[in-house]
Amino acid sequence: MELFANYRAKILGEMYEGEPFGPDKLTMLWPLLAGCAIFAALDIGVGLANQYRLIVLGALVTPGIIWLGYLMFHMLRALRAWTVRQNSND
């Protein structure tokens, strides 16, 4: 868990201390892409039925969507703080 906390702190530090769009987009999207790739492999390999297909899709994609939403929230806050800093320097 400490590894994830350090990873999260590094990303948020890049956002708030530097440019608001500091981390690259792959940093934000990799959990979503990983969930989609795992789902595609399971769907092709196992051939899930319709109701189970949606359950598995939701279970694999939801953490990536939560992570993306969390980082987007902080990116917008960092953009606001960056804009205030730029206006106060002028």
N, C-alpha and C. Protein backbone atom coordinates (compact mmCIF):
# COMPACT_ATOMS: atom_id res chain seq x y z
N MET A 1 0.83 -1.19 0.00
CA MET A 1 0.00 0.00 0.00
C MET A 1 0.87 1.26 0.00
N GLU A 2 2.04 1.15 0.61
CA GLU A 2 2.94 2.30 0.66
C GLU A 2 3.44 2.65 -0.74
N LEU A 3 3.61 1.64 -1.58
CA LEU A 3 4.05 1.87 -2.96
C LEU A 3 3.01 2.70 -3.71
N PHE A 4 1.74 2.36 -3.54
CA PHE A 4 0.67 3.12 -4.20
C PHE A 4 0.60 4.54 -3.65
N ALA A 5 0.78 4.70 -2.33
CA ALA A 5 0.73 6.03 -1.73
C ALA A 5 1.87 6.90 -2.26
N ASN A 6 3.04 6.34 -2.43
CA ASN A 6 4.17 7.10 -2.98
C ASN A 6 3.92 7.46 -4.45
N TYR A 7 3.34 6.53 -5.21
CA TYR A 7 3.02 6.76 -6.62
C TYR A 7 2.00 7.89 -6.75
N ARG A 8 0.97 7.85 -5.92
CA ARG A 8 -0.06 8.89 -5.94
C ARG A 8 0.51 10.24 -5.54
N ALA A 9 1.36 10.26 -4.51
CA ALA A 9 1.96 11.51 -4.06
C ALA A 9 2.87 12.10 -5.13
N LYS A 10 3.58 11.26 -5.85
CA LYS A 10 4.45 11.72 -6.93
C LYS A 10 3.64 12.38 -8.04
N ILE A 11 2.55 11.74 -8.42
CA ILE A 11 1.71 12.29 -9.50
C ILE A 11 1.08 13.61 -9.07
N LEU A 12 0.53 13.66 -7.86
CA LEU A 12 -0.10 14.90 -7.40
C LEU A 12 0.92 16.00 -7.20
N GLY A 13 2.11 15.64 -6.77
CA GLY A 13 3.18 16.62 -6.64
C GLY A 13 3.55 17.24 -7.98
N GLU A 14 3.60 16.41 -9.03
CA GLU A 14 3.88 16.93 -10.37
C GLU A 14 2.78 17.89 -10.82
N MET A 15 1.55 17.59 -10.46
CA MET A 15 0.44 18.45 -10.88
C MET A 15 0.47 19.78 -10.17
N TYR A 16 0.60 19.76 -8.85
CA TYR A 16 0.46 20.98 -8.07
C TYR A 16 1.72 21.84 -8.07
N GLU A 17 2.89 21.24 -8.21
CA GLU A 17 4.12 22.02 -8.14
C GLU A 17 4.58 22.53 -9.50
N GLY A 18 4.26 21.83 -10.56
CA GLY A 18 4.69 22.24 -11.89
C GLY A 18 3.53 22.72 -12.71
N GLU A 19 3.53 22.32 -13.94
CA GLU A 19 2.41 22.61 -14.82
C GLU A 19 1.20 21.79 -14.37
N PRO A 20 0.00 22.29 -14.56
CA PRO A 20 -1.18 21.53 -14.11
C PRO A 20 -1.37 20.24 -14.89
N PHE A 21 -0.86 20.19 -16.10
CA PHE A 21 -0.98 18.98 -16.90
C PHE A 21 0.34 18.22 -16.86
N GLY A 22 0.94 18.15 -15.68
CA GLY A 22 2.25 17.54 -15.50
C GLY A 22 2.35 16.08 -15.89
N PRO A 23 1.53 15.20 -15.31
CA PRO A 23 1.68 13.79 -15.68
C PRO A 23 1.13 13.52 -17.07
N ASP A 24 1.74 12.56 -17.72
CA ASP A 24 1.26 12.24 -19.06
C ASP A 24 -0.07 11.49 -18.97
N LYS A 25 -0.72 11.42 -20.08
CA LYS A 25 -2.07 10.83 -20.08
C LYS A 25 -2.05 9.33 -19.86
N LEU A 26 -0.93 8.67 -20.18
CA LEU A 26 -0.84 7.24 -19.92
C LEU A 26 -0.85 6.97 -18.42
N THR A 27 -0.29 7.87 -17.63
CA THR A 27 -0.33 7.74 -16.18
C THR A 27 -1.76 7.73 -15.68
N MET A 28 -2.61 8.48 -16.35
CA MET A 28 -3.99 8.57 -15.92
C MET A 28 -4.84 7.41 -16.45
N LEU A 29 -4.48 6.89 -17.61
CA LEU A 29 -5.33 5.91 -18.27
C LEU A 29 -4.89 4.46 -18.13
N TRP A 30 -3.70 4.18 -17.60
CA TRP A 30 -3.23 2.81 -17.62
C TRP A 30 -4.13 1.84 -16.85
N PRO A 31 -4.74 2.21 -15.70
CA PRO A 31 -5.62 1.22 -15.07
C PRO A 31 -6.86 0.91 -15.91
N LEU A 32 -7.38 1.91 -16.58
CA LEU A 32 -8.54 1.69 -17.45
C LEU A 32 -8.17 0.82 -18.65
N LEU A 33 -7.03 1.10 -19.25
CA LEU A 33 -6.57 0.30 -20.38
C LEU A 33 -6.27 -1.13 -19.97
N ALA A 34 -5.67 -1.31 -18.80
CA ALA A 34 -5.38 -2.66 -18.31
C ALA A 34 -6.67 -3.44 -18.06
N GLY A 35 -7.66 -2.80 -17.46
CA GLY A 35 -8.95 -3.45 -17.24
C GLY A 35 -9.63 -3.84 -18.53
N CYS A 36 -9.56 -2.96 -19.52
CA CYS A 36 -10.16 -3.27 -20.83
C CYS A 36 -9.43 -4.41 -21.52
N ALA A 37 -8.10 -4.44 -21.41
CA ALA A 37 -7.33 -5.51 -22.04
C ALA A 37 -7.61 -6.85 -21.38
N ILE A 38 -7.70 -6.87 -20.06
CA ILE A 38 -8.03 -8.11 -19.36
C ILE A 38 -9.43 -8.57 -19.73
N PHE A 39 -10.37 -7.63 -19.81
CA PHE A 39 -11.73 -7.99 -20.19
C PHE A 39 -11.76 -8.56 -21.61
N ALA A 40 -11.04 -7.94 -22.53
CA ALA A 40 -11.03 -8.43 -23.91
C ALA A 40 -10.46 -9.84 -23.97
N ALA A 41 -9.39 -10.09 -23.22
CA ALA A 41 -8.81 -11.44 -23.22
C ALA A 41 -9.78 -12.46 -22.63
N LEU A 42 -10.45 -12.10 -21.55
CA LEU A 42 -11.43 -13.01 -20.96
C LEU A 42 -12.63 -13.23 -21.88
N ASP A 43 -13.10 -12.17 -22.49
CA ASP A 43 -14.27 -12.28 -23.35
C ASP A 43 -13.99 -13.14 -24.57
N ILE A 44 -12.83 -12.94 -25.17
CA ILE A 44 -12.48 -13.75 -26.34
C ILE A 44 -12.17 -15.18 -25.94
N GLY A 45 -11.44 -15.34 -24.83
CA GLY A 45 -11.02 -16.68 -24.42
C GLY A 45 -12.12 -17.55 -23.85
N VAL A 46 -12.97 -16.96 -23.01
CA VAL A 46 -13.99 -17.73 -22.30
C VAL A 46 -15.34 -17.66 -23.01
N GLY A 47 -15.64 -16.56 -23.63
CA GLY A 47 -16.93 -16.39 -24.29
C GLY A 47 -18.05 -16.26 -23.27
N LEU A 48 -18.00 -15.19 -22.50
CA LEU A 48 -18.98 -14.98 -21.43
C LEU A 48 -20.38 -14.73 -21.97
N ALA A 49 -21.39 -15.12 -21.19
CA ALA A 49 -22.79 -14.83 -21.53
C ALA A 49 -23.06 -13.35 -21.25
N ASN A 50 -24.17 -12.86 -21.78
CA ASN A 50 -24.47 -11.42 -21.70
C ASN A 50 -24.50 -10.87 -20.29
N GLN A 51 -25.20 -11.50 -19.36
CA GLN A 51 -25.30 -10.92 -18.02
C GLN A 51 -23.97 -10.97 -17.28
N TYR A 52 -23.21 -12.04 -17.45
CA TYR A 52 -21.91 -12.12 -16.79
C TYR A 52 -20.89 -11.21 -17.46
N ARG A 53 -21.08 -10.98 -18.72
CA ARG A 53 -20.19 -10.10 -19.46
C ARG A 53 -20.20 -8.68 -18.89
N LEU A 54 -21.38 -8.16 -18.61
CA LEU A 54 -21.49 -6.81 -18.04
C LEU A 54 -20.96 -6.74 -16.63
N ILE A 55 -21.16 -7.78 -15.85
CA ILE A 55 -20.65 -7.81 -14.48
C ILE A 55 -19.13 -7.80 -14.48
N VAL A 56 -18.53 -8.64 -15.31
CA VAL A 56 -17.08 -8.70 -15.39
C VAL A 56 -16.52 -7.40 -15.95
N LEU A 57 -17.16 -6.84 -16.96
CA LEU A 57 -16.72 -5.56 -17.52
C LEU A 57 -16.75 -4.46 -16.45
N GLY A 58 -17.83 -4.39 -15.71
CA GLY A 58 -17.93 -3.39 -14.65
C GLY A 58 -16.88 -3.57 -13.57
N ALA A 59 -16.62 -4.81 -13.19
CA ALA A 59 -15.63 -5.08 -12.14
C ALA A 59 -14.22 -4.74 -12.60
N LEU A 60 -13.91 -4.93 -13.85
CA LEU A 60 -12.56 -4.67 -14.34
C LEU A 60 -12.32 -3.21 -14.73
N VAL A 61 -13.35 -2.52 -15.13
CA VAL A 61 -13.19 -1.14 -15.62
C VAL A 61 -13.41 -0.10 -14.52
N THR A 62 -14.19 -0.42 -13.51
CA THR A 62 -14.53 0.55 -12.47
C THR A 62 -13.31 1.13 -11.75
N PRO A 63 -12.31 0.35 -11.32
CA PRO A 63 -11.15 0.98 -10.67
C PRO A 63 -10.43 1.98 -11.57
N GLY A 64 -10.33 1.69 -12.86
CA GLY A 64 -9.70 2.63 -13.78
C GLY A 64 -10.48 3.91 -13.94
N ILE A 65 -11.79 3.80 -13.95
CA ILE A 65 -12.64 4.99 -14.06
C ILE A 65 -12.54 5.84 -12.79
N ILE A 66 -12.50 5.19 -11.64
CA ILE A 66 -12.35 5.93 -10.38
C ILE A 66 -11.00 6.64 -10.34
N TRP A 67 -9.93 5.95 -10.75
CA TRP A 67 -8.60 6.56 -10.77
C TRP A 67 -8.56 7.74 -11.72
N LEU A 68 -9.14 7.60 -12.90
CA LEU A 68 -9.19 8.69 -13.87
C LEU A 68 -9.97 9.88 -13.34
N GLY A 69 -11.11 9.63 -12.72
CA GLY A 69 -11.90 10.71 -12.14
C GLY A 69 -11.17 11.43 -11.02
N TYR A 70 -10.48 10.66 -10.19
CA TYR A 70 -9.71 11.24 -9.09
C TYR A 70 -8.61 12.16 -9.62
N LEU A 71 -7.87 11.69 -10.62
CA LEU A 71 -6.80 12.51 -11.17
C LEU A 71 -7.33 13.71 -11.95
N MET A 72 -8.46 13.55 -12.62
CA MET A 72 -9.05 14.69 -13.33
C MET A 72 -9.50 15.78 -12.35
N PHE A 73 -10.05 15.35 -11.21
CA PHE A 73 -10.45 16.30 -10.17
C PHE A 73 -9.23 17.11 -9.72
N HIS A 74 -8.13 16.43 -9.44
CA HIS A 74 -6.94 17.14 -8.98
C HIS A 74 -6.30 17.95 -10.10
N MET A 75 -6.42 17.49 -11.33
CA MET A 75 -5.87 18.25 -12.45
C MET A 75 -6.60 19.58 -12.60
N LEU A 76 -7.91 19.56 -12.44
CA LEU A 76 -8.69 20.80 -12.53
C LEU A 76 -8.37 21.74 -11.37
N ARG A 77 -8.18 21.19 -10.17
CA ARG A 77 -7.78 22.03 -9.03
C ARG A 77 -6.39 22.62 -9.25
N ALA A 78 -5.47 21.82 -9.81
CA ALA A 78 -4.12 22.32 -10.07
C ALA A 78 -4.15 23.39 -11.16
N LEU A 79 -5.00 23.21 -12.16
CA LEU A 79 -5.13 24.22 -13.21
C LEU A 79 -5.63 25.53 -12.63
N ARG A 80 -6.59 25.45 -11.73
CA ARG A 80 -7.11 26.66 -11.10
C ARG A 80 -6.02 27.35 -10.28
N ALA A 81 -5.26 26.58 -9.49
CA ALA A 81 -4.18 27.16 -8.69
C ALA A 81 -3.09 27.73 -9.58
N TRP A 82 -2.77 27.05 -10.67
CA TRP A 82 -1.75 27.53 -11.60
C TRP A 82 -2.18 28.84 -12.25
N THR A 83 -3.47 28.94 -12.60
CA THR A 83 -3.98 30.17 -13.21
C THR A 83 -3.91 31.33 -12.22
N VAL A 84 -4.23 31.07 -10.98
CA VAL A 84 -4.15 32.12 -9.95
C VAL A 84 -2.69 32.57 -9.77
N ARG A 85 -1.76 31.60 -9.75
CA ARG A 85 -0.35 31.94 -9.63
C ARG A 85 0.14 32.75 -10.81
N GLN A 86 -0.29 32.41 -12.01
CA GLN A 86 0.12 33.15 -13.21
C GLN A 86 -0.43 34.56 -13.20
N ASN A 87 -1.68 34.73 -12.75
CA ASN A 87 -2.28 36.06 -12.71
C ASN A 87 -1.67 36.92 -11.62
N SER A 88 -1.25 36.30 -10.52
CA SER A 88 -0.66 37.09 -9.44
C SER A 88 0.77 37.50 -9.78
N ASN A 89 1.44 36.76 -10.66
CA ASN A 89 2.80 37.13 -11.08
C ASN A 89 2.79 38.28 -12.07
N ASP A 90 1.69 38.46 -12.78
CA ASP A 90 1.62 39.53 -13.80
C ASP A 90 1.37 40.88 -13.22
